[in-house]
Protein backbone atom coordinates (compact mmCIF):
# COMPACT_ATOMS: atom_id res chain seq x y z
CA MET A 1 -7.47 -12.22 25.16
CA ASP A 2 -5.68 -14.30 22.21
CA ILE A 3 -8.55 -13.93 20.07
CA THR A 4 -8.71 -10.86 20.62
CA LEU A 5 -4.98 -9.65 19.60
CA LEU A 6 -6.02 -12.51 16.17
CA VAL A 7 -9.03 -9.93 15.80
CA ILE A 8 -7.26 -6.72 15.83
CA GLY A 9 -4.55 -8.25 13.72
CA PHE A 10 -6.45 -9.46 11.36
CA ILE A 11 -8.27 -6.46 10.89
CA LEU A 12 -4.43 -3.92 10.57
CA MET A 13 -3.59 -6.86 7.92
CA PHE A 14 -7.13 -5.44 5.39
CA VAL A 15 -6.32 -1.67 6.87
CA GLY A 16 -2.75 -2.53 5.50
CA ILE A 17 -4.33 -3.84 1.90
CA LEU A 18 -6.13 -0.51 1.69
CA GLY A 19 -3.35 1.31 2.99
CA SER A 20 -1.47 0.58 -0.30
CA PHE A 21 -4.04 1.95 -2.16
CA LEU A 22 -5.05 5.15 -0.15
CA PRO A 23 -1.74 7.79 0.09
CA VAL A 24 -2.44 8.45 3.32
CA LEU A 25 -2.05 4.81 5.30
CA PRO A 26 1.38 3.33 5.22
CA GLY A 27 -0.21 -0.27 4.23
CA PRO A 28 3.31 -2.30 4.38
CA LEU A 29 3.56 -0.74 7.84
CA VAL A 30 -0.06 -1.28 9.07
CA SER A 31 0.46 -5.04 7.77
CA TRP A 32 3.45 -5.59 9.43
CA VAL A 33 1.99 -4.17 12.59
CA GLY A 34 -0.99 -6.69 12.92
CA LEU A 35 2.16 -9.33 12.44
CA LEU A 36 3.42 -7.64 15.84
CA VAL A 37 0.00 -8.07 16.85
CA LEU A 38 -0.16 -11.68 16.27
CA SER A 39 3.37 -12.52 17.94
CA LEU A 40 2.27 -10.60 21.01
CA THR A 41 -0.05 -13.95 21.15
CA LYS A 42 1.06 -16.48 24.29
CA VAL A 43 0.40 -19.13 21.82
CA ILE A 44 2.61 -17.97 18.84
CA PRO A 45 6.31 -18.16 19.52
CA ASN A 46 8.05 -14.99 19.14
CA ASP A 47 10.19 -15.00 16.29
CA TRP A 48 12.36 -11.68 16.37
CA TRP A 49 14.00 -12.31 13.27
CA PHE A 50 10.84 -12.76 11.47
CA LEU A 51 9.73 -10.00 12.23
CA GLY A 52 13.20 -8.12 11.92
CA ILE A 53 13.02 -9.38 8.53
CA THR A 54 9.52 -8.28 8.13
CA LEU A 55 9.87 -5.13 9.95
CA ALA A 56 13.04 -4.21 6.99
CA ILE A 57 10.81 -5.13 4.53
CA ALA A 58 7.86 -2.81 5.45
CA LEU A 59 10.07 0.10 5.43
CA VAL A 60 11.84 -0.36 2.51
CA VAL A 61 8.99 -0.46 0.50
CA PHE A 62 7.07 2.67 2.60
CA THR A 63 10.89 4.57 1.25
CA LEU A 64 10.62 3.58 -2.14
CA ASP A 65 6.78 4.21 -2.48
CA TYR A 66 7.98 8.14 -2.62
CA ILE A 67 11.15 8.04 -4.36
CA ILE A 68 9.50 5.42 -7.23
CA PRO A 69 6.58 7.88 -8.33
CA ALA A 70 9.30 10.62 -8.13
CA VAL A 71 11.77 9.13 -10.80
CA GLY A 72 8.96 8.60 -12.96
CA THR A 73 8.54 11.59 -12.77
CA ARG A 74 11.24 13.18 -13.39
CA LYS A 75 12.76 10.60 -15.82
CA PHE A 76 9.76 11.64 -18.24
CA GLY A 77 10.23 15.26 -17.51
CA GLY A 78 7.51 15.33 -15.02
CA THR A 79 7.28 18.28 -11.87
CA LYS A 80 5.55 17.97 -7.85
CA ALA A 81 2.60 19.24 -9.81
CA GLY A 82 2.36 16.00 -12.05
CA MET A 83 2.84 13.85 -8.64
CA PHE A 84 0.28 16.00 -6.38
CA GLY A 85 -2.28 15.65 -9.53
CA THR A 86 -1.76 11.80 -9.45
CA MET A 87 -2.52 12.26 -5.54
CA ILE A 88 -5.53 14.29 -5.85
CA GLY A 89 -7.09 12.14 -9.57
CA LEU A 90 -6.32 8.66 -6.60
CA LEU A 91 -8.68 10.56 -4.22
CA VAL A 92 -11.37 10.93 -6.58
CA ALA A 93 -11.27 7.87 -7.66
CA LEU A 94 -11.17 6.23 -4.23
CA PHE A 95 -13.99 9.16 -2.99
CA PHE A 96 -15.70 9.26 -6.19
CA PRO A 97 -15.95 5.70 -7.69
CA ILE A 98 -17.52 7.42 -11.42
CA LEU A 99 -15.86 5.07 -13.56
CA GLY A 100 -15.68 1.94 -11.12
CA PRO A 101 -12.59 -0.44 -10.52
CA ILE A 102 -11.80 1.25 -13.86
CA GLY A 103 -11.01 4.90 -12.15
CA ILE A 104 -8.56 4.01 -9.99
CA ILE A 105 -6.53 3.91 -13.09
CA ILE A 106 -7.65 6.89 -15.13
CA TRP A 107 -8.32 9.30 -12.23
CA PRO A 108 -4.58 9.40 -11.12
CA PHE A 109 -3.14 9.81 -14.89
CA VAL A 110 -6.08 12.35 -15.49
CA GLY A 111 -5.11 14.29 -12.12
CA ALA A 112 -1.16 14.30 -13.23
CA LEU A 113 -2.19 15.22 -16.64
CA VAL A 114 -4.19 17.98 -14.94
CA GLY A 115 -1.64 18.99 -12.20
CA GLU A 116 0.76 18.95 -15.54
CA LEU A 117 -1.66 21.48 -17.82
CA MET A 118 -1.91 24.20 -14.28
CA ASN A 119 1.49 24.04 -14.42
CA LYS A 120 2.03 25.94 -17.63
CA ALA A 121 3.19 22.97 -19.74
CA ASP A 122 2.21 22.14 -23.31
CA LYS A 123 -0.01 18.73 -23.84
CA LYS A 124 2.44 16.81 -25.34
CA THR A 125 5.08 17.50 -22.25
CA ALA A 126 2.23 17.31 -19.97
CA THR A 127 0.69 14.11 -21.15
CA LYS A 128 4.34 12.44 -21.08
CA ALA A 129 4.88 13.41 -17.63
CA ALA A 130 1.58 12.67 -16.40
CA PHE A 131 2.35 9.42 -17.91
CA GLY A 132 5.57 9.20 -16.34
CA SER A 133 4.07 10.05 -12.96
CA PHE A 134 1.18 7.58 -13.48
CA ILE A 135 3.73 4.74 -14.73
CA GLY A 136 5.46 5.72 -10.97
CA PHE A 137 2.43 5.89 -9.11
CA LEU A 138 0.90 2.47 -10.08
CA THR A 139 4.61 0.74 -9.56
CA GLY A 140 4.80 1.59 -6.12
CA THR A 141 0.97 0.79 -5.46
CA PHE A 142 1.88 -2.78 -6.92
CA LEU A 143 4.96 -3.37 -4.85
CA LYS A 144 2.90 -2.32 -1.51
CA PHE A 145 -0.03 -4.76 -2.47
CA VAL A 146 2.11 -7.95 -3.22
CA VAL A 147 3.83 -6.77 0.07
CA THR A 148 0.76 -6.47 2.21
CA ILE A 149 -0.59 -9.92 0.51
CA VAL A 150 2.39 -11.64 1.23
CA TYR A 151 1.94 -10.29 4.93
CA LEU A 152 -1.48 -11.67 4.81
CA GLY A 153 -0.39 -14.95 3.66
CA LEU A 154 2.19 -15.35 6.56
CA PHE A 155 -0.54 -14.13 9.33
CA ILE A 156 -2.74 -17.12 8.60
CA PHE A 157 -0.07 -19.53 8.04
CA GLN A 158 1.04 -18.91 11.23
CA ALA A 159 -2.62 -18.80 12.72
CA TRP A 160 -3.33 -21.76 10.73
CA GLU A 161 -0.16 -23.58 12.16
CA TYR A 162 -1.30 -22.74 16.08
CA LYS A 163 -4.88 -23.03 15.34
CA ALA A 164 -5.73 -25.71 18.01
CA ASP A 165 -3.80 -24.13 20.35
CA LEU A 166 -5.82 -20.41 19.38
CA PHE A 167 -9.00 -22.28 19.46
CA PRO A 168 -8.93 -24.57 22.10
CA PHE A 169 -12.57 -25.35 21.93
CA PHE A 170 -12.78 -26.14 19.08
CA ASN A 171 -10.82 -29.53 19.38
């Protein structure tokens, strides 16, 4: 059973990392659930302080993920149309990887620009607002990615620390 929980937790870690890029998945929260699943094994001692602090961080990052793009858009004179366009651009980049990995950077900007232009902004205002929306999106994504990578490191560290108990057949 411990091996099953370890594998499920590990899968949740990687889904959390994907969730730092996909707008439909709350990456840090999914990664935190991976840490919780690992702590449910009989081998890993339950450290409720550790789980509480990591949950609080995941919730703060989850909240900031909605605030940061809005602040970036507002600072540069953008609208909700630009933010919506950024999300559409991200989905295009993920599901139609025409430009490869660089598309994850280009398409959200293009989406924000199109969103602002459709919102009847002039080209200069639309470009500035799209840039703000894009910077906000990148900041939030980077923050989520860093937290999920740190959670993966914590997961691996804990699993490694108790590897003899988790995998007794390797002793």
